[in-house]
Amino acid sequence: MAGKTIVITGATSGIGEVAADRLAAKGARIVFVARDRHRGEETLRHLHAIAPGAEHSVHYADLSLIAEMKRVASEIAEAEPEIDVLVNNAGALFNTRQVTADGLEMTFAVNHMAYFVVTDILRRRMQPGARIVSTASDAHKGAKLDFDDLQSARNFSGFRVYGRSKLCNILFTRELARRLEGTGVTANCLHPGFVATRFGDHSGGILSFGIRAAKNFALTPEQGAETIVYLASSPDAANATGGYFVKSAPATPTKEAQNDADAKRLWGISADIAGIAA
């Protein structure tokens, strides 16, 4: 990974932070997106301590807003003529339904649309051999997309909506891999396991309480980051594309997550929402 440029969202805590550290230790230069300036500066200092010779950098954005997704991705594309790996890892879970300024349900905006928009812009900076890695989740099991209610206006449930967003991640990866055929750029997603991180701590209500209690039995962030690092850097994963990985090995997602018609439909709707060419 020496000399390679890796862009990571969600790198200021949890598995994203561990993945950034490990990839930096392998010689990569880390370019990451943060929302909180204090956490961003702390992460930047940490990366410079691990690999002081690399010109790591941070960009700030609120990835719940389409304009911010476009702005920060365009800034990175302007600053980075070539990107070797993009890791989509930013995500959240909410106990109550929140709507962004774009009129999108917050989980859908952060967990799916940010992946979609940032990738659409940055893949233009990726050459043959480059990799796109997206954090999905086993939480997609049991989830189904209702294309008449993608913003979950009816019967909102925080964890159920989170599961749908993770289903979106897998469908997005499948369609992205199809569209990248012949370019030499690969796209894969993964289930990191249930990991004891800050994730879910601020979801609100009984959901946060339940998540905190369950973390007593969870994986460490170091364990959770292993598959991200594997997909981003291992020679064994160089030619894999369109896959869903668990514990650094290919796995089979649900039937709903293998529905290519839904993947194409979700892509078209997402492009319309973002105002970009499908």
C-alpha atoms as a PDB file:
ATOM      1  CA  MET A   1       0.000   0.000   0.000  1.00  0.00           C
ATOM      2  CA  ALA A   2       3.033   2.286   0.015  1.00  0.00           C
ATOM      3  CA  GLY A   3       2.264   5.487  -1.836  1.00  0.00           C
ATOM      4  CA  LYS A   4      -1.405   4.674  -2.402  1.00  0.00           C
ATOM      5  CA  THR A   5      -4.138   7.208  -1.663  1.00  0.00           C
ATOM      6  CA  ILE A   6      -7.141   5.974   0.309  1.00  0.00           C
ATOM      7  CA  VAL A   7     -10.260   8.066   0.846  1.00  0.00           C
ATOM      8  CA  ILE A   8     -12.342   7.075   3.894  1.00  0.00           C
ATOM      9  CA  THR A   9     -15.621   8.378   5.279  1.00  0.00           C
ATOM     10  CA  GLY A  10     -16.434   7.610   8.909  1.00  0.00           C
ATOM     11  CA  ALA A  11     -12.758   7.448   9.906  1.00  0.00           C
ATOM     12  CA  THR A  12     -12.807   9.427  13.159  1.00  0.00           C
ATOM     13  CA  SER A  13     -14.014   6.571  15.366  1.00  0.00           C
ATOM     14  CA  GLY A  14     -14.756   2.864  15.510  1.00  0.00           C
ATOM     15  CA  ILE A  15     -13.885   0.488  12.702  1.00  0.00           C
ATOM     16  CA  GLY A  16     -13.221   3.340  10.280  1.00  0.00           C
ATOM     17  CA  GLU A  17     -10.569   4.783  12.560  1.00  0.00           C
ATOM     18  CA  VAL A  18      -8.924   1.390  13.056  1.00  0.00           C
ATOM     19  CA  ALA A  19      -8.992   0.708   9.312  1.00  0.00           C
ATOM     20  CA  ALA A  20      -7.414   4.105   8.614  1.00  0.00           C
ATOM     21  CA  ASP A  21      -4.691   3.412  11.194  1.00  0.00           C
ATOM     22  CA  ARG A  22      -3.900  -0.016   9.773  1.00  0.00           C
ATOM     23  CA  LEU A  23      -3.826   1.153   6.191  1.00  0.00           C
ATOM     24  CA  ALA A  24      -1.617   4.098   7.137  1.00  0.00           C
ATOM     25  CA  ALA A  25       0.722   1.663   8.890  1.00  0.00           C
ATOM     26  CA  LYS A  26       0.921  -0.252   5.604  1.00  0.00           C
ATOM     27  CA  GLY A  27       2.210   2.891   3.905  1.00  0.00           C
ATOM     28  CA  ALA A  28      -1.007   4.382   2.525  1.00  0.00           C
ATOM     29  CA  ARG A  29      -1.835   8.056   2.537  1.00  0.00           C
ATOM     30  CA  ILE A  30      -5.223   8.635   4.178  1.00  0.00           C
ATOM     31  CA  VAL A  31      -7.676  11.292   3.025  1.00  0.00           C
ATOM     32  CA  PHE A  32     -10.752  11.282   5.221  1.00  0.00           C
ATOM     33  CA  VAL A  33     -14.037  13.096   5.687  1.00  0.00           C
ATOM     34  CA  ALA A  34     -15.122  14.264   9.132  1.00  0.00           C
ATOM     35  CA  ARG A  35     -18.055  16.237  10.437  1.00  0.00           C
ATOM     36  CA  ASP A  36     -16.626  17.330  13.787  1.00  0.00           C
ATOM     37  CA  ARG A  37     -13.531  19.519  13.514  1.00  0.00           C
ATOM     38  CA  HIS A  38     -12.087  18.493  16.884  1.00  0.00           C
ATOM     39  CA  ARG A  39     -12.357  14.779  16.107  1.00  0.00           C
ATOM     40  CA  GLY A  40     -11.000  15.426  12.636  1.00  0.00           C
ATOM     41  CA  GLU A  41      -7.897  17.162  13.934  1.00  0.00           C
ATOM     42  CA  GLU A  42      -7.354  14.430  16.546  1.00  0.00           C
ATOM     43  CA  THR A  43      -7.574  11.740  13.872  1.00  0.00           C
ATOM     44  CA  LEU A  44      -5.186  13.653  11.623  1.00  0.00           C
ATOM     45  CA  ARG A  45      -2.618  13.945  14.434  1.00  0.00           C
ATOM     46  CA  HIS A  46      -3.016  10.249  15.147  1.00  0.00           C
ATOM     47  CA  LEU A  47      -2.394   9.317  11.501  1.00  0.00           C
ATOM     48  CA  HIS A  48       0.684  11.542  11.316  1.00  0.00           C
ATOM     49  CA  ALA A  49       2.047   9.775  14.403  1.00  0.00           C
ATOM     50  CA  ILE A  50       1.584   6.392  12.728  1.00  0.00           C
ATOM     51  CA  ALA A  51       2.981   7.419   9.338  1.00  0.00           C
ATOM     52  CA  PRO A  52       4.715  10.796   9.708  1.00  0.00           C
ATOM     53  CA  GLY A  53       6.026  10.797   6.155  1.00  0.00           C
ATOM     54  CA  ALA A  54       2.623  10.649   4.498  1.00  0.00           C
ATOM     55  CA  GLU A  55       0.636  13.774   3.676  1.00  0.00           C
ATOM     56  CA  HIS A  56      -2.630  12.669   5.258  1.00  0.00           C
ATOM     57  CA  SER A  57      -5.478  15.170   4.958  1.00  0.00           C
ATOM     58  CA  VAL A  58      -8.970  15.830   6.280  1.00  0.00           C
ATOM     59  CA  HIS A  59     -12.031  17.385   4.646  1.00  0.00           C
ATOM     60  CA  TYR A  60     -15.107  18.508   6.576  1.00  0.00           C
ATOM     61  CA  ALA A  61     -18.718  17.952   5.583  1.00  0.00           C
ATOM     62  CA  ASP A  62     -22.174  17.048   6.837  1.00  0.00           C
ATOM     63  CA  LEU A  63     -22.853  13.867   4.884  1.00  0.00           C
ATOM     64  CA  SER A  64     -26.587  14.023   5.543  1.00  0.00           C
ATOM     65  CA  LEU A  65     -26.945  16.834   2.983  1.00  0.00           C
ATOM     66  CA  ILE A  66     -26.680  16.273  -0.761  1.00  0.00           C
ATOM     67  CA  ALA A  67     -25.027  19.648  -1.387  1.00  0.00           C
ATOM     68  CA  GLU A  68     -22.373  18.805   1.211  1.00  0.00           C
ATOM     69  CA  MET A  69     -21.823  15.324  -0.254  1.00  0.00           C
ATOM     70  CA  LYS A  70     -21.245  16.901  -3.664  1.00  0.00           C
ATOM     71  CA  ARG A  71     -19.063  19.712  -2.331  1.00  0.00           C
ATOM     72  CA  VAL A  72     -16.699  17.548  -0.303  1.00  0.00           C
ATOM     73  CA  ALA A  73     -16.402  14.870  -2.988  1.00  0.00           C
ATOM     74  CA  SER A  74     -15.667  17.543  -5.599  1.00  0.00           C
ATOM     75  CA  GLU A  75     -13.038  19.100  -3.321  1.00  0.00           C
ATOM     76  CA  ILE A  76     -11.354  15.736  -2.871  1.00  0.00           C
ATOM     77  CA  ALA A  77     -11.529  15.014  -6.605  1.00  0.00           C
ATOM     78  CA  GLU A  78      -9.925  18.395  -7.284  1.00  0.00           C
ATOM     79  CA  ALA A  79      -7.145  17.745  -4.763  1.00  0.00           C
ATOM     80  CA  GLU A  80      -6.497  14.093  -5.628  1.00  0.00           C
ATOM     81  CA  PRO A  81      -5.712  13.306  -9.268  1.00  0.00           C
ATOM     82  CA  GLU A  82      -5.689   9.574  -8.527  1.00  0.00           C
ATOM     83  CA  ILE A  83      -7.499   7.608  -5.821  1.00  0.00           C
ATOM     84  CA  ASP A  84      -6.555   3.975  -5.209  1.00  0.00           C
ATOM     85  CA  VAL A  85      -9.209   3.018  -2.669  1.00  0.00           C
ATOM     86  CA  LEU A  86     -12.498   4.566  -1.562  1.00  0.00           C
ATOM     87  CA  VAL A  87     -13.926   3.272   1.708  1.00  0.00           C
ATOM     88  CA  ASN A  88     -17.564   4.252   2.317  1.00  0.00           C
ATOM     89  CA  ASN A  89     -17.976   3.751   6.039  1.00  0.00           C
ATOM     90  CA  ALA A  90     -19.925   6.706   7.489  1.00  0.00           C
ATOM     91  CA  GLY A  91     -23.233   5.600   8.975  1.00  0.00           C
ATOM     92  CA  ALA A  92     -25.761   6.134  11.741  1.00  0.00           C
ATOM     93  CA  LEU A  93     -28.852   4.706  13.397  1.00  0.00           C
ATOM     94  CA  PHE A  94     -31.682   6.858  14.755  1.00  0.00           C
ATOM     95  CA  ASN A  95     -34.390   6.032  17.260  1.00  0.00           C
ATOM     96  CA  THR A  96     -36.824   8.599  15.866  1.00  0.00           C
ATOM     97  CA  ARG A  97     -37.569   9.667  12.317  1.00  0.00           C
ATOM     98  CA  GLN A  98     -35.655  12.763  11.289  1.00  0.00           C
ATOM     99  CA  VAL A  99     -35.868  14.545   7.955  1.00  0.00           C
ATOM    100  CA  THR A 100     -32.977  16.392   6.335  1.00  0.00           C
ATOM    101  CA  ALA A 101     -33.177  19.756   4.603  1.00  0.00           C
ATOM    102  CA  ASP A 102     -33.422  17.800   1.339  1.00  0.00           C
ATOM    103  CA  GLY A 103     -36.586  16.102   2.581  1.00  0.00           C
ATOM    104  CA  LEU A 104     -34.855  12.739   3.026  1.00  0.00           C
ATOM    105  CA  GLU A 105     -35.160  10.447   6.013  1.00  0.00           C
ATOM    106  CA  MET A 106     -31.859  10.808   7.876  1.00  0.00           C
ATOM    107  CA  THR A 107     -30.814   7.127   7.844  1.00  0.00           C
ATOM    108  CA  PHE A 108     -31.403   6.850   4.111  1.00  0.00           C
ATOM    109  CA  ALA A 109     -29.481  10.081   3.524  1.00  0.00           C
ATOM    110  CA  VAL A 110     -26.406   9.253   5.596  1.00  0.00           C
ATOM    111  CA  ASN A 111     -26.190   5.493   5.111  1.00  0.00           C
ATOM    112  CA  HIS A 112     -27.110   5.256   1.436  1.00  0.00           C
ATOM    113  CA  MET A 113     -27.125   8.576  -0.400  1.00  0.00           C
ATOM    114  CA  ALA A 114     -23.701   9.617   0.928  1.00  0.00           C
ATOM    115  CA  TYR A 115     -22.217   6.375  -0.434  1.00  0.00           C
ATOM    116  CA  PHE A 116     -23.968   6.924  -3.752  1.00  0.00           C
ATOM    117  CA  VAL A 117     -23.053  10.588  -4.300  1.00  0.00           C
ATOM    118  CA  VAL A 118     -19.470  10.477  -3.018  1.00  0.00           C
ATOM    119  CA  THR A 119     -18.733   7.363  -5.068  1.00  0.00           C
ATOM    120  CA  ASP A 120     -20.283   8.835  -8.213  1.00  0.00           C
ATOM    121  CA  ILE A 121     -17.908  11.784  -8.085  1.00  0.00           C
ATOM    122  CA  LEU A 122     -14.747  10.051  -6.873  1.00  0.00           C
ATOM    123  CA  ARG A 123     -14.842   7.025  -9.162  1.00  0.00           C
ATOM    124  CA  ARG A 124     -13.757   9.368 -11.958  1.00  0.00           C
ATOM    125  CA  ARG A 125     -10.404   9.569 -10.177  1.00  0.00           C
ATOM    126  CA  MET A 126      -9.988   5.788 -10.036  1.00  0.00           C
ATOM    127  CA  GLN A 127      -7.868   3.836 -12.495  1.00  0.00           C
ATOM    128  CA  PRO A 128      -7.636   0.062 -13.189  1.00  0.00           C
ATOM    129  CA  GLY A 129      -6.709  -1.723  -9.974  1.00  0.00           C
ATOM    130  CA  ALA A 130      -8.552   0.749  -7.757  1.00  0.00           C
ATOM    131  CA  ARG A 131     -11.090  -0.522  -5.217  1.00  0.00           C
ATOM    132  CA  ILE A 132     -14.360   0.701  -3.729  1.00  0.00           C
ATOM    133  CA  VAL A 133     -15.249  -0.791  -0.342  1.00  0.00           C
ATOM    134  CA  SER A 134     -18.581  -0.102   1.360  1.00  0.00           C
ATOM    135  CA  THR A 135     -19.596  -1.062   4.874  1.00  0.00           C
ATOM    136  CA  ALA A 136     -22.956  -2.833   4.806  1.00  0.00           C
ATOM    137  CA  SER A 137     -24.291  -5.107   7.552  1.00  0.00           C
ATOM    138  CA  ASP A 138     -25.899  -8.406   8.436  1.00  0.00           C
ATOM    139  CA  ALA A 139     -28.749  -6.152   9.618  1.00  0.00           C
ATOM    140  CA  HIS A 140     -30.003  -6.286   6.025  1.00  0.00           C
ATOM    141  CA  LYS A 141     -31.439  -9.738   6.780  1.00  0.00           C
ATOM    142  CA  GLY A 142     -35.208  -9.538   6.891  1.00  0.00           C
ATOM    143  CA  ALA A 143     -35.215  -6.117   5.232  1.00  0.00           C
ATOM    144  CA  LYS A 144     -37.209  -5.336   2.098  1.00  0.00           C
ATOM    145  CA  LEU A 145     -37.382  -2.121   0.135  1.00  0.00           C
ATOM    146  CA  ASP A 146     -40.707  -0.385  -0.281  1.00  0.00           C
ATOM    147  CA  PHE A 147     -40.119   1.814  -3.313  1.00  0.00           C
ATOM    148  CA  ASP A 148     -43.312   3.691  -2.502  1.00  0.00           C
ATOM    149  CA  ASP A 149     -41.916   4.625   0.919  1.00  0.00           C
ATOM    150  CA  LEU A 150     -38.119   4.799   0.699  1.00  0.00           C
ATOM    151  CA  GLN A 151     -38.198   7.696   3.200  1.00  0.00           C
ATOM    152  CA  SER A 152     -39.954   5.543   5.825  1.00  0.00           C
ATOM    153  CA  ALA A 153     -42.821   7.965   6.401  1.00  0.00           C
ATOM    154  CA  ARG A 154     -45.021   5.049   7.481  1.00  0.00           C
ATOM    155  CA  ASN A 155     -44.415   2.973  10.622  1.00  0.00           C
ATOM    156  CA  PHE A 156     -40.889   4.174  11.373  1.00  0.00           C
ATOM    157  CA  SER A 157     -38.682   1.828  13.398  1.00  0.00           C
ATOM    158  CA  GLY A 158     -35.062   2.817  13.883  1.00  0.00           C
ATOM    159  CA  PHE A 159     -33.486  -0.609  13.552  1.00  0.00           C
ATOM    160  CA  ARG A 160     -35.776  -1.709  10.722  1.00  0.00           C
ATOM    161  CA  VAL A 161     -34.954   1.434   8.745  1.00  0.00           C
ATOM    162  CA  TYR A 162     -31.261   0.893   9.463  1.00  0.00           C
ATOM    163  CA  GLY A 163     -31.573  -2.627   8.048  1.00  0.00           C
ATOM    164  CA  ARG A 164     -33.149  -1.242   4.888  1.00  0.00           C
ATOM    165  CA  SER A 165     -30.272   1.203   4.491  1.00  0.00           C
ATOM    166  CA  LYS A 166     -27.815  -1.682   4.724  1.00  0.00           C
ATOM    167  CA  LEU A 167     -29.818  -3.545   2.095  1.00  0.00           C
ATOM    168  CA  CYS A 168     -29.415  -0.424  -0.044  1.00  0.00           C
ATOM    169  CA  ASN A 169     -25.630  -0.651   0.447  1.00  0.00           C
ATOM    170  CA  ILE A 170     -25.528  -4.192  -0.939  1.00  0.00           C
ATOM    171  CA  LEU A 171     -27.809  -3.414  -3.882  1.00  0.00           C
ATOM    172  CA  PHE A 172     -25.759  -0.286  -4.603  1.00  0.00           C
ATOM    173  CA  THR A 173     -22.563  -2.361  -4.628  1.00  0.00           C
ATOM    174  CA  ARG A 174     -24.060  -4.915  -7.039  1.00  0.00           C
ATOM    175  CA  GLU A 175     -25.188  -2.273  -9.516  1.00  0.00           C
ATOM    176  CA  LEU A 176     -21.951  -0.299  -9.133  1.00  0.00           C
ATOM    177  CA  ALA A 177     -19.887  -3.413  -9.885  1.00  0.00           C
ATOM    178  CA  ARG A 178     -22.017  -4.047 -12.986  1.00  0.00           C
ATOM    179  CA  ARG A 179     -21.450  -0.496 -14.197  1.00  0.00           C
ATOM    180  CA  LEU A 180     -17.698  -0.777 -13.550  1.00  0.00           C
ATOM    181  CA  GLU A 181     -17.281  -3.918 -15.639  1.00  0.00           C
ATOM    182  CA  GLY A 182     -14.325  -3.565 -17.968  1.00  0.00           C
ATOM    183  CA  THR A 183     -12.794  -0.608 -16.123  1.00  0.00           C
ATOM    184  CA  GLY A 184     -10.534  -2.611 -13.814  1.00  0.00           C
ATOM    185  CA  VAL A 185     -12.090  -0.890 -10.775  1.00  0.00           C
ATOM    186  CA  THR A 186     -13.729  -3.237  -8.266  1.00  0.00           C
ATOM    187  CA  ALA A 187     -16.592  -2.698  -5.810  1.00  0.00           C
ATOM    188  CA  ASN A 188     -17.368  -4.845  -2.787  1.00  0.00           C
ATOM    189  CA  CYS A 189     -19.231  -4.490   0.496  1.00  0.00           C
ATOM    190  CA  LEU A 190     -18.986  -6.181   3.873  1.00  0.00           C
ATOM    191  CA  HIS A 191     -20.528  -7.048   7.200  1.00  0.00           C
ATOM    192  CA  PRO A 192     -18.040  -6.013   9.919  1.00  0.00           C
ATOM    193  CA  GLY A 193     -19.847  -7.878  12.701  1.00  0.00           C
ATOM    194  CA  PHE A 194     -21.515  -6.316  15.716  1.00  0.00           C
ATOM    195  CA  VAL A 195     -18.769  -4.103  17.064  1.00  0.00           C
ATOM    196  CA  ALA A 196     -18.347  -2.214  20.335  1.00  0.00           C
ATOM    197  CA  THR A 197     -17.886   1.347  19.048  1.00  0.00           C
ATOM    198  CA  ARG A 198     -19.606   4.726  19.522  1.00  0.00           C
ATOM    199  CA  PHE A 199     -22.146   3.624  16.903  1.00  0.00           C
ATOM    200  CA  GLY A 200     -25.716   3.879  18.152  1.00  0.00           C
ATOM    201  CA  ASP A 201     -24.806   5.584  21.433  1.00  0.00           C
ATOM    202  CA  HIS A 202     -26.750   8.695  20.452  1.00  0.00           C
ATOM    203  CA  SER A 203     -29.636   7.023  18.654  1.00  0.00           C
ATOM    204  CA  GLY A 204     -31.918   7.977  21.507  1.00  0.00           C
ATOM    205  CA  GLY A 205     -34.393   6.206  23.774  1.00  0.00           C
ATOM    206  CA  ILE A 206     -34.429   2.523  24.579  1.00  0.00           C
ATOM    207  CA  LEU A 207     -32.589   1.784  21.337  1.00  0.00           C
ATOM    208  CA  SER A 208     -29.392   3.398  22.639  1.00  0.00           C
ATOM    209  CA  PHE A 209     -29.750   1.560  25.945  1.00  0.00           C
ATOM    210  CA  GLY A 210     -30.158  -1.788  24.200  1.00  0.00           C
ATOM    211  CA  ILE A 211     -27.187  -1.189  21.906  1.00  0.00           C
ATOM    212  CA  ARG A 212     -24.941  -0.201  24.813  1.00  0.00           C
ATOM    213  CA  ALA A 213     -25.942  -3.330  26.748  1.00  0.00           C
ATOM    214  CA  ALA A 214     -25.332  -5.585  23.755  1.00  0.00           C
ATOM    215  CA  LYS A 215     -21.829  -4.173  23.275  1.00  0.00           C
ATOM    216  CA  ASN A 216     -20.693  -6.183  26.286  1.00  0.00           C
ATOM    217  CA  PHE A 217     -20.765  -9.169  23.944  1.00  0.00           C
ATOM    218  CA  ALA A 218     -19.562  -7.408  20.790  1.00  0.00           C
ATOM    219  CA  LEU A 219     -16.417  -7.613  18.703  1.00  0.00           C
ATOM    220  CA  THR A 220     -13.626  -5.107  19.243  1.00  0.00           C
ATOM    221  CA  PRO A 221     -13.153  -2.346  16.653  1.00  0.00           C
ATOM    222  CA  GLU A 222      -9.890  -4.062  15.696  1.00  0.00           C
ATOM    223  CA  GLN A 223     -11.802  -7.245  14.828  1.00  0.00           C
ATOM    224  CA  GLY A 224     -14.527  -5.312  13.043  1.00  0.00           C
ATOM    225  CA  ALA A 225     -12.046  -3.466  10.826  1.00  0.00           C
ATOM    226  CA  GLU A 226     -10.344  -6.597   9.531  1.00  0.00           C
ATOM    227  CA  THR A 227     -12.592  -7.122   6.510  1.00  0.00           C
ATOM    228  CA  ILE A 228     -12.352  -3.462   5.483  1.00  0.00           C
ATOM    229  CA  VAL A 229      -8.561  -3.691   5.549  1.00  0.00           C
ATOM    230  CA  TYR A 230      -8.663  -6.997   3.679  1.00  0.00           C
ATOM    231  CA  LEU A 231     -10.861  -5.663   0.867  1.00  0.00           C
ATOM    232  CA  ALA A 232      -8.875  -2.436   0.644  1.00  0.00           C
ATOM    233  CA  SER A 233      -5.398  -3.951   0.576  1.00  0.00           C
ATOM    234  CA  SER A 234      -5.140  -7.719   0.201  1.00  0.00           C
ATOM    235  CA  PRO A 235      -3.819  -9.103  -3.111  1.00  0.00           C
ATOM    236  CA  ASP A 236      -6.306 -11.951  -2.608  1.00  0.00           C
ATOM    237  CA  ALA A 237      -9.181  -9.476  -3.072  1.00  0.00           C
ATOM    238  CA  ALA A 238      -7.719  -7.694  -6.084  1.00  0.00           C
ATOM    239  CA  ASN A 239     -10.066  -9.264  -8.628  1.00  0.00           C
ATOM    240  CA  ALA A 240     -13.164  -9.703  -6.473  1.00  0.00           C
ATOM    241  CA  THR A 241     -16.067  -7.459  -7.381  1.00  0.00           C
ATOM    242  CA  GLY A 242     -19.778  -7.190  -6.656  1.00  0.00           C
ATOM    243  CA  GLY A 243     -19.375  -9.301  -3.534  1.00  0.00           C
ATOM    244  CA  TYR A 244     -20.596  -9.272   0.040  1.00  0.00           C
ATOM    245  CA  PHE A 245     -17.913 -10.309   2.525  1.00  0.00           C
ATOM    246  CA  VAL A 246     -17.992 -11.534   6.113  1.00  0.00           C
ATOM    247  CA  LYS A 247     -14.799 -12.270   8.065  1.00  0.00           C
ATOM    248  CA  SER A 248     -12.731 -11.542   4.953  1.00  0.00           C
ATOM    249  CA  ALA A 249     -14.504 -14.225   2.930  1.00  0.00           C
ATOM    250  CA  PRO A 250     -17.294 -14.110   0.343  1.00  0.00           C
ATOM    251  CA  ALA A 251     -20.745 -14.634   1.832  1.00  0.00           C
ATOM    252  CA  THR A 252     -24.255 -14.861   0.446  1.00  0.00           C
ATOM    253  CA  PRO A 253     -26.636 -12.021   1.325  1.00  0.00           C
ATOM    254  CA  THR A 254     -30.396 -12.430   1.344  1.00  0.00           C
ATOM    255  CA  LYS A 255     -32.524 -12.996  -1.762  1.00  0.00           C
ATOM    256  CA  GLU A 256     -33.665  -9.362  -1.554  1.00  0.00           C
ATOM    257  CA  ALA A 257     -30.027  -8.243  -1.596  1.00  0.00           C
ATOM    258  CA  GLN A 258     -29.404 -10.199  -4.812  1.00  0.00           C
ATOM    259  CA  ASN A 259     -32.302  -8.621  -6.725  1.00  0.00           C
ATOM    260  CA  ASP A 260     -30.635  -6.922  -9.695  1.00  0.00           C
ATOM    261  CA  ALA A 261     -33.893  -5.319 -10.832  1.00  0.00           C
ATOM    262  CA  ASP A 262     -34.206  -3.634  -7.439  1.00  0.00           C
ATOM    263  CA  ALA A 263     -30.536  -2.610  -7.613  1.00  0.00           C
ATOM    264  CA  LYS A 264     -31.093  -0.872 -10.947  1.00  0.00           C
ATOM    265  CA  ARG A 265     -34.288   0.746  -9.739  1.00  0.00           C
ATOM    266  CA  LEU A 266     -32.648   2.020  -6.545  1.00  0.00           C
ATOM    267  CA  TRP A 267     -29.780   3.448  -8.608  1.00  0.00           C
ATOM    268  CA  GLY A 268     -32.167   5.359 -10.853  1.00  0.00           C
ATOM    269  CA  ILE A 269     -34.147   6.769  -7.943  1.00  0.00           C
ATOM    270  CA  SER A 270     -30.947   7.743  -6.105  1.00  0.00           C
ATOM    271  CA  ALA A 271     -29.640   9.514  -9.203  1.00  0.00           C
ATOM    272  CA  ASP A 272     -32.915  11.451  -9.505  1.00  0.00           C
ATOM    273  CA  ILE A 273     -32.740  12.452  -5.839  1.00  0.00           C
ATOM    274  CA  ALA A 274     -29.140  13.608  -6.180  1.00  0.00           C
ATOM    275  CA  GLY A 275     -29.748  15.367  -9.459  1.00  0.00           C
ATOM    276  CA  ILE A 276     -27.042  13.455 -11.305  1.00  0.00           C
ATOM    277  CA  ALA A 277     -27.068  11.429 -14.524  1.00  0.00           C
ATOM    278  CA  ALA A 278     -28.243   7.858 -14.024  1.00  0.00           C
END
